[in-house]
Amino acid sequence: MDQSRRNFLKSSSAAVAGLLTPFTAVTANPDLLKMPAGAGFQLLVMATNWGFNGTATAFCEKAKQDGYDGVEVLWPADRQQQEAILTAAKKQGLKIAFLCRGDEPDWKQQLETFRTVTAGAAANTILQPLYINCHSGRDFFEEEQNQSFIDVAAGLEKQTGVKMYHETHRSRMLFAAHITKKFINKNPSLKLTLDISHWCNVHESMLEDQAGAVAAALEHTAHFHARIGHPEGPQINDPRAPEWEATIKQHFAWWDKIAERKRRNGEVMTVLTEFGPPTYMPAQPYTQQPVVDQWAVNLYMMKMLRQRYQ
């Protein structure tokens, strides 16, 4: 490699390193924090193993070491993997929650898978889940077909006492703000996992023109995913970068509404830091190397959440 190329790469690396200096887009919300919280209020921040390369034991050890309260993971199909994540979480004193879903294109087949996996996660005898996050139905199923997933989840919650939340996820039943509002109107007790980053992408906006639907969703949110979306994608490249300040503040303004209600009612507020790996995270061409460290970004989000709400 010639000297000029070495100098170019050296200067480029230095420039990139400078850009990665953390930028705090939000600080503590003094108005929110000075409001007396009900006796039962508690903030629990959950870690995802999505993108983590390691065993269940290593993941839970790292989550505990880095200050997470619990983990939210996909309910494994394999029994040994189920026991591994449950045992590892229990050993570390971590709360656990599961993502459950079916992926079949036929709604009846998917409903049966959904029924099986949710029941299995709820009934495990090692560690009771704090909640089950449901990827319910599909965006192309008929309304009545998707309603069946809500009915199955409601029945299981009544039977087991495990809380069942339905995620506002692209390609799923609650893929869009206006569709979610219809299901809320039909199901007043519906509880959401709000991942509003998806809606920013689906509606190609920051939802300025859907205030009513967003307000209804915030009121029905039991749990949320702290990923920052934008009109052209479900995940910004780095929440520490100053160019995303307005987008980040908008997400926290939405989450503030949830926190205000949770504090007022003395409820537990669970949050998952869910910045994902490539290809959710932008990657370099050819090498497919992620542009930032996923775990570090999620830790940054966890610290912002604690600073603002705890």
Protein backbone atom coordinates (compact mmCIF):
# COMPACT_ATOMS: atom_id res chain seq x y z
CA MET A 1 0.00 0.00 0.00
CA ASP A 2 1.45 3.37 -0.97
CA GLN A 3 1.98 6.14 1.59
CA SER A 4 -0.75 8.41 0.23
CA ARG A 5 -3.34 5.64 0.62
CA ARG A 6 -2.14 4.96 4.18
CA ASN A 7 -2.51 8.64 5.03
CA PHE A 8 -6.00 8.76 3.50
CA LEU A 9 -7.17 5.75 5.50
CA LYS A 10 -5.63 7.10 8.68
CA SER A 11 -7.30 10.48 8.31
CA SER A 12 -10.63 8.86 7.36
CA SER A 13 -10.52 6.62 10.44
CA ALA A 14 -9.83 9.59 12.66
CA ALA A 15 -12.75 11.49 11.16
CA VAL A 16 -15.10 8.57 11.70
CA ALA A 17 -13.91 8.18 15.30
CA GLY A 18 -14.74 11.81 15.92
CA LEU A 19 -18.23 11.35 14.58
CA LEU A 20 -18.83 8.47 17.01
CA THR A 21 -18.49 10.69 20.07
CA PRO A 22 -21.73 10.07 22.00
CA PHE A 23 -24.34 12.78 21.67
CA THR A 24 -27.08 12.88 24.30
CA ALA A 25 -30.23 13.90 22.47
CA VAL A 26 -32.43 13.79 25.56
CA THR A 27 -31.92 14.31 29.25
CA ALA A 28 -34.03 13.64 32.31
CA ASN A 29 -37.58 14.93 32.05
CA PRO A 30 -37.88 17.16 35.16
CA ASP A 31 -41.64 17.65 34.82
CA LEU A 32 -42.17 13.90 34.64
CA LEU A 33 -39.75 12.98 37.42
CA LYS A 34 -41.08 15.52 39.90
CA MET A 35 -44.56 14.08 39.51
CA PRO A 36 -45.10 11.70 42.45
CA ALA A 37 -45.05 8.11 41.25
CA GLY A 38 -47.46 5.51 42.54
CA ALA A 39 -46.04 3.01 45.01
CA GLY A 40 -45.81 0.22 42.45
CA PHE A 41 -43.96 2.14 39.73
CA GLN A 42 -40.79 0.47 38.55
CA LEU A 43 -38.72 0.72 35.38
CA LEU A 44 -37.47 -2.61 34.04
CA VAL A 45 -35.17 -2.49 31.02
CA MET A 46 -34.87 -5.70 29.03
CA ALA A 47 -32.07 -6.93 26.75
CA THR A 48 -32.47 -8.70 23.43
CA ASN A 49 -30.35 -11.62 22.25
CA TRP A 50 -31.16 -10.72 18.63
CA GLY A 51 -27.72 -10.39 17.04
CA PHE A 52 -25.86 -11.76 20.09
CA ASN A 53 -23.28 -14.36 19.12
CA GLY A 54 -22.90 -16.63 22.11
CA THR A 55 -24.60 -19.10 24.39
CA ALA A 56 -27.66 -18.42 26.52
CA THR A 57 -25.37 -18.45 29.57
CA ALA A 58 -23.00 -15.87 28.05
CA PHE A 59 -25.90 -13.66 26.99
CA CYS A 60 -27.55 -13.63 30.41
CA GLU A 61 -24.22 -13.04 32.15
CA LYS A 62 -23.51 -10.05 29.92
CA ALA A 63 -27.03 -8.65 30.30
CA LYS A 64 -26.72 -8.85 34.09
CA GLN A 65 -23.20 -7.42 34.12
CA ASP A 66 -24.24 -4.44 31.99
CA GLY A 67 -27.18 -3.52 34.19
CA TYR A 68 -30.26 -4.96 32.49
CA ASP A 69 -33.20 -6.08 34.61
CA GLY A 70 -34.26 -8.90 32.32
CA VAL A 71 -34.23 -10.39 28.84
CA GLU A 72 -36.81 -10.65 26.07
CA VAL A 73 -36.08 -13.47 23.63
CA LEU A 74 -37.79 -15.56 20.98
CA TRP A 75 -39.36 -18.65 22.56
CA PRO A 76 -37.09 -21.44 21.26
CA ALA A 77 -38.56 -24.36 19.36
CA ASP A 78 -35.98 -26.76 20.83
CA ARG A 79 -36.62 -27.98 24.38
CA GLN A 80 -32.94 -27.92 25.35
CA GLN A 81 -32.67 -24.30 24.19
CA GLN A 82 -35.79 -23.45 26.19
CA GLU A 83 -34.26 -24.90 29.34
CA ALA A 84 -30.92 -23.20 28.63
CA ILE A 85 -32.28 -19.65 28.42
CA LEU A 86 -34.70 -20.14 31.32
CA THR A 87 -32.01 -21.62 33.57
CA ALA A 88 -29.45 -18.97 32.63
CA ALA A 89 -31.87 -16.11 33.31
CA LYS A 90 -32.93 -17.61 36.62
CA LYS A 91 -29.32 -18.09 37.72
CA GLN A 92 -28.55 -14.42 37.02
CA GLY A 93 -31.69 -13.19 38.78
CA LEU A 94 -33.06 -11.73 35.54
CA LYS A 95 -36.69 -11.30 34.57
CA ILE A 96 -37.63 -13.10 31.39
CA ALA A 97 -40.15 -12.44 28.62
CA PHE A 98 -40.76 -14.23 25.36
CA LEU A 99 -41.57 -13.29 21.80
CA CYS A 100 -44.03 -15.79 20.33
CA ARG A 101 -45.23 -16.08 16.75
CA GLY A 102 -46.19 -18.30 13.86
CA ASP A 103 -44.96 -17.74 10.32
CA GLU A 104 -47.21 -19.89 8.15
CA PRO A 105 -49.01 -18.07 5.31
CA ASP A 106 -52.23 -19.98 6.05
CA TRP A 107 -54.03 -18.29 8.94
CA LYS A 108 -55.40 -21.49 10.50
CA GLN A 109 -51.99 -23.15 10.53
CA GLN A 110 -50.37 -20.03 11.93
CA LEU A 111 -53.03 -19.74 14.63
CA GLU A 112 -52.33 -23.30 15.77
CA THR A 113 -48.60 -22.60 15.92
CA PHE A 114 -49.32 -19.40 17.83
CA ARG A 115 -51.55 -21.29 20.25
CA THR A 116 -48.85 -23.93 20.83
CA VAL A 117 -45.87 -21.61 21.34
CA THR A 118 -47.67 -19.13 23.59
CA ALA A 119 -49.03 -21.93 25.76
CA GLY A 120 -45.59 -23.53 25.99
CA ALA A 121 -43.89 -20.29 27.01
CA ALA A 122 -46.57 -19.42 29.57
CA ALA A 123 -46.67 -22.88 31.15
CA ASN A 124 -42.94 -23.50 31.58
CA THR A 125 -42.11 -24.45 35.17
CA ILE A 126 -38.59 -22.99 35.42
CA LEU A 127 -39.27 -19.25 35.35
CA GLN A 128 -42.61 -17.56 34.78
CA PRO A 129 -42.48 -14.97 32.01
CA LEU A 130 -43.05 -11.35 32.95
CA TYR A 131 -45.10 -11.09 29.74
CA ILE A 132 -45.39 -12.63 26.29
CA ASN A 133 -44.90 -10.34 23.32
CA CYS A 134 -47.05 -11.59 20.44
CA HIS A 135 -46.27 -11.22 16.76
CA SER A 136 -49.93 -11.74 15.99
CA GLY A 137 -51.40 -12.67 12.61
CA ARG A 138 -50.37 -11.05 9.35
CA ASP A 139 -51.10 -7.85 7.47
CA PHE A 140 -52.81 -9.81 4.66
CA PHE A 141 -55.11 -11.91 6.86
CA GLU A 142 -58.76 -10.90 7.05
CA GLU A 143 -59.80 -8.85 10.06
CA GLU A 144 -61.81 -11.73 11.54
CA GLN A 145 -58.84 -14.07 11.09
CA ASN A 146 -56.52 -11.69 12.93
CA GLN A 147 -59.13 -11.27 15.65
CA SER A 148 -58.69 -14.98 16.40
CA PHE A 149 -55.11 -14.31 17.59
CA ILE A 150 -56.39 -11.71 20.05
CA ASP A 151 -59.00 -14.15 21.32
CA VAL A 152 -56.46 -16.97 21.81
CA ALA A 153 -54.09 -14.64 23.68
CA ALA A 154 -56.88 -13.32 25.90
CA GLY A 155 -57.94 -16.84 26.79
CA LEU A 156 -54.39 -17.86 27.67
CA GLU A 157 -53.89 -14.77 29.84
CA LYS A 158 -57.08 -15.55 31.73
CA GLN A 159 -56.02 -19.17 32.18
CA THR A 160 -52.38 -18.62 33.25
CA GLY A 161 -52.16 -15.03 34.51
CA VAL A 162 -49.27 -14.31 32.12
CA LYS A 163 -49.70 -10.93 30.45
CA MET A 164 -50.15 -11.04 26.68
CA TYR A 165 -49.15 -8.06 24.53
CA HIS A 166 -49.56 -7.63 20.77
CA GLU A 167 -46.74 -5.88 18.93
CA THR A 168 -47.17 -3.07 16.39
CA HIS A 169 -44.84 -4.77 13.94
CA ARG A 170 -44.60 -4.53 10.17
CA SER A 171 -46.14 -7.49 8.33
CA ARG A 172 -48.19 -8.40 11.40
CA MET A 173 -51.78 -7.69 12.40
CA LEU A 174 -51.00 -4.26 13.89
CA PHE A 175 -48.69 -3.13 11.11
CA ALA A 176 -50.23 0.34 10.74
CA ALA A 177 -51.61 3.04 13.04
CA HIS A 178 -55.09 3.24 11.56
CA ILE A 179 -55.50 -0.56 11.53
CA THR A 180 -54.44 -0.76 15.17
CA LYS A 181 -57.02 1.86 16.10
CA LYS A 182 -59.75 -0.33 14.58
CA PHE A 183 -58.66 -3.29 16.70
CA ILE A 184 -58.50 -1.09 19.81
CA ASN A 185 -62.05 0.11 19.18
CA LYS A 186 -63.20 -3.49 18.84
CA ASN A 187 -61.13 -4.75 21.80
CA PRO A 188 -61.09 -2.14 24.60
CA SER A 189 -58.86 -4.33 26.79
CA LEU A 190 -56.24 -4.87 24.06
CA LYS A 191 -52.69 -4.41 25.38
CA LEU A 192 -49.90 -3.39 23.03
CA THR A 193 -46.19 -3.77 22.70
CA LEU A 194 -45.59 -0.45 21.01
CA ASP A 195 -42.74 -0.42 18.52
CA ILE A 196 -43.60 2.85 16.85
CA SER A 197 -40.43 2.75 14.74
CA HIS A 198 -42.33 0.40 12.41
CA TRP A 199 -45.15 2.88 11.87
CA CYS A 200 -42.72 5.67 10.99
CA ASN A 201 -41.50 3.42 8.21
CA VAL A 202 -44.90 2.06 7.13
CA HIS A 203 -46.50 5.51 6.92
CA GLU A 204 -43.30 7.19 5.68
CA SER A 205 -43.76 9.98 8.20
CA MET A 206 -43.32 10.92 11.84
CA LEU A 207 -47.07 10.33 12.15
CA GLU A 208 -48.02 14.01 12.37
CA ASP A 209 -51.23 13.30 10.48
CA GLN A 210 -52.33 10.35 12.66
CA ALA A 211 -52.42 11.92 16.10
CA GLY A 212 -55.68 10.21 17.07
CA ALA A 213 -54.49 6.71 16.22
CA VAL A 214 -51.16 7.29 17.95
CA ALA A 215 -52.88 8.64 21.08
CA ALA A 216 -55.10 5.55 21.24
CA ALA A 217 -52.08 3.27 20.88
CA LEU A 218 -50.14 5.09 23.60
CA GLU A 219 -53.09 4.71 25.97
CA HIS A 220 -53.17 0.95 25.33
CA THR A 221 -49.40 0.40 25.49
CA ALA A 222 -48.31 -2.02 28.20
CA HIS A 223 -44.68 -2.45 27.03
CA PHE A 224 -42.56 -0.75 24.39
CA HIS A 225 -39.50 -1.33 22.26
CA ALA A 226 -36.96 1.47 22.36
CA ARG A 227 -35.78 1.52 18.79
CA ILE A 228 -35.74 4.77 16.82
CA GLY A 229 -37.38 4.66 13.41
CA HIS A 230 -37.65 7.27 10.67
CA PRO A 231 -39.75 7.75 7.54
CA GLU A 232 -37.42 5.68 5.37
CA GLY A 233 -36.60 2.87 7.77
CA PRO A 234 -37.33 1.18 11.12
CA GLN A 235 -33.90 1.94 12.60
CA ILE A 236 -31.62 4.96 12.44
CA ASN A 237 -27.95 4.16 12.05
CA ASP A 238 -26.79 5.54 15.42
CA PRO A 239 -28.82 7.30 18.14
CA ARG A 240 -25.64 9.04 19.31
CA ALA A 241 -25.36 10.98 16.04
CA PRO A 242 -26.57 14.61 16.28
CA GLU A 243 -28.39 14.59 12.94
CA TRP A 244 -31.10 12.40 14.51
CA GLU A 245 -31.85 14.72 17.44
CA ALA A 246 -35.35 15.73 16.34
CA THR A 247 -36.31 12.13 15.50
CA ILE A 248 -35.06 10.86 18.85
CA LYS A 249 -36.88 13.58 20.76
CA GLN A 250 -40.12 12.69 18.99
CA HIS A 251 -39.81 9.06 20.08
CA PHE A 252 -39.14 10.09 23.67
CA ALA A 253 -42.13 12.43 23.55
CA TRP A 254 -44.28 9.40 22.66
CA TRP A 255 -42.67 7.28 25.37
CA ASP A 256 -43.13 10.08 27.91
CA LYS A 257 -46.90 9.65 27.57
CA ILE A 258 -46.56 5.98 28.50
CA ALA A 259 -44.25 6.80 31.42
CA GLU A 260 -46.60 9.48 32.71
CA ARG A 261 -49.48 7.00 32.86
CA LYS A 262 -47.36 4.23 34.35
CA ARG A 263 -45.99 6.54 37.06
CA ARG A 264 -49.42 7.97 37.86
CA ASN A 265 -50.97 4.50 38.18
CA GLY A 266 -48.04 2.96 40.05
CA GLU A 267 -47.43 0.32 37.37
CA VAL A 268 -44.31 -1.53 36.25
CA MET A 269 -42.94 -0.08 32.99
CA THR A 270 -41.04 -2.57 30.87
CA VAL A 271 -38.88 -1.48 27.94
CA LEU A 272 -36.79 -3.50 25.50
CA THR A 273 -33.73 -1.86 23.93
CA GLU A 274 -34.04 -3.32 20.44
CA PHE A 275 -31.60 -1.83 17.99
CA GLY A 276 -30.95 -4.84 15.78
CA PRO A 277 -28.05 -6.27 13.79
CA PRO A 278 -27.67 -6.05 9.98
CA THR A 279 -29.75 -5.74 7.94
CA TYR A 280 -31.86 -3.73 10.39
CA MET A 281 -28.66 -1.90 11.14
CA PRO A 282 -27.04 -0.30 8.09
CA ALA A 283 -23.92 -2.14 6.99
CA GLN A 284 -20.92 -1.38 4.83
CA PRO A 285 -21.22 -2.56 1.23
CA TYR A 286 -19.38 -5.74 0.22
CA THR A 287 -18.14 -6.57 3.74
CA GLN A 288 -21.55 -6.23 5.40
CA GLN A 289 -19.83 -4.93 8.52
CA PRO A 290 -22.28 -3.04 10.79
CA VAL A 291 -21.69 0.71 10.92
CA VAL A 292 -21.80 0.72 14.75
CA ASP A 293 -21.63 -1.79 17.59
CA GLN A 294 -25.17 -3.05 18.25
CA TRP A 295 -24.66 -3.91 21.93
CA ALA A 296 -23.07 -0.52 22.63
CA VAL A 297 -25.97 1.30 20.98
CA ASN A 298 -28.52 -0.62 23.04
CA LEU A 299 -26.56 0.15 26.22
CA TYR A 300 -26.64 3.82 25.26
CA MET A 301 -30.42 3.58 24.90
CA MET A 302 -30.71 1.86 28.27
CA LYS A 303 -28.78 4.67 29.97
CA MET A 304 -30.95 7.32 28.32
CA LEU A 305 -34.10 5.50 29.43
CA ARG A 306 -32.89 5.23 33.03
CA GLN A 307 -31.82 8.88 33.08
CA ARG A 308 -35.20 10.03 31.83
CA TYR A 309 -37.59 7.77 33.70
CA GLN A 310 -35.99 6.24 36.77
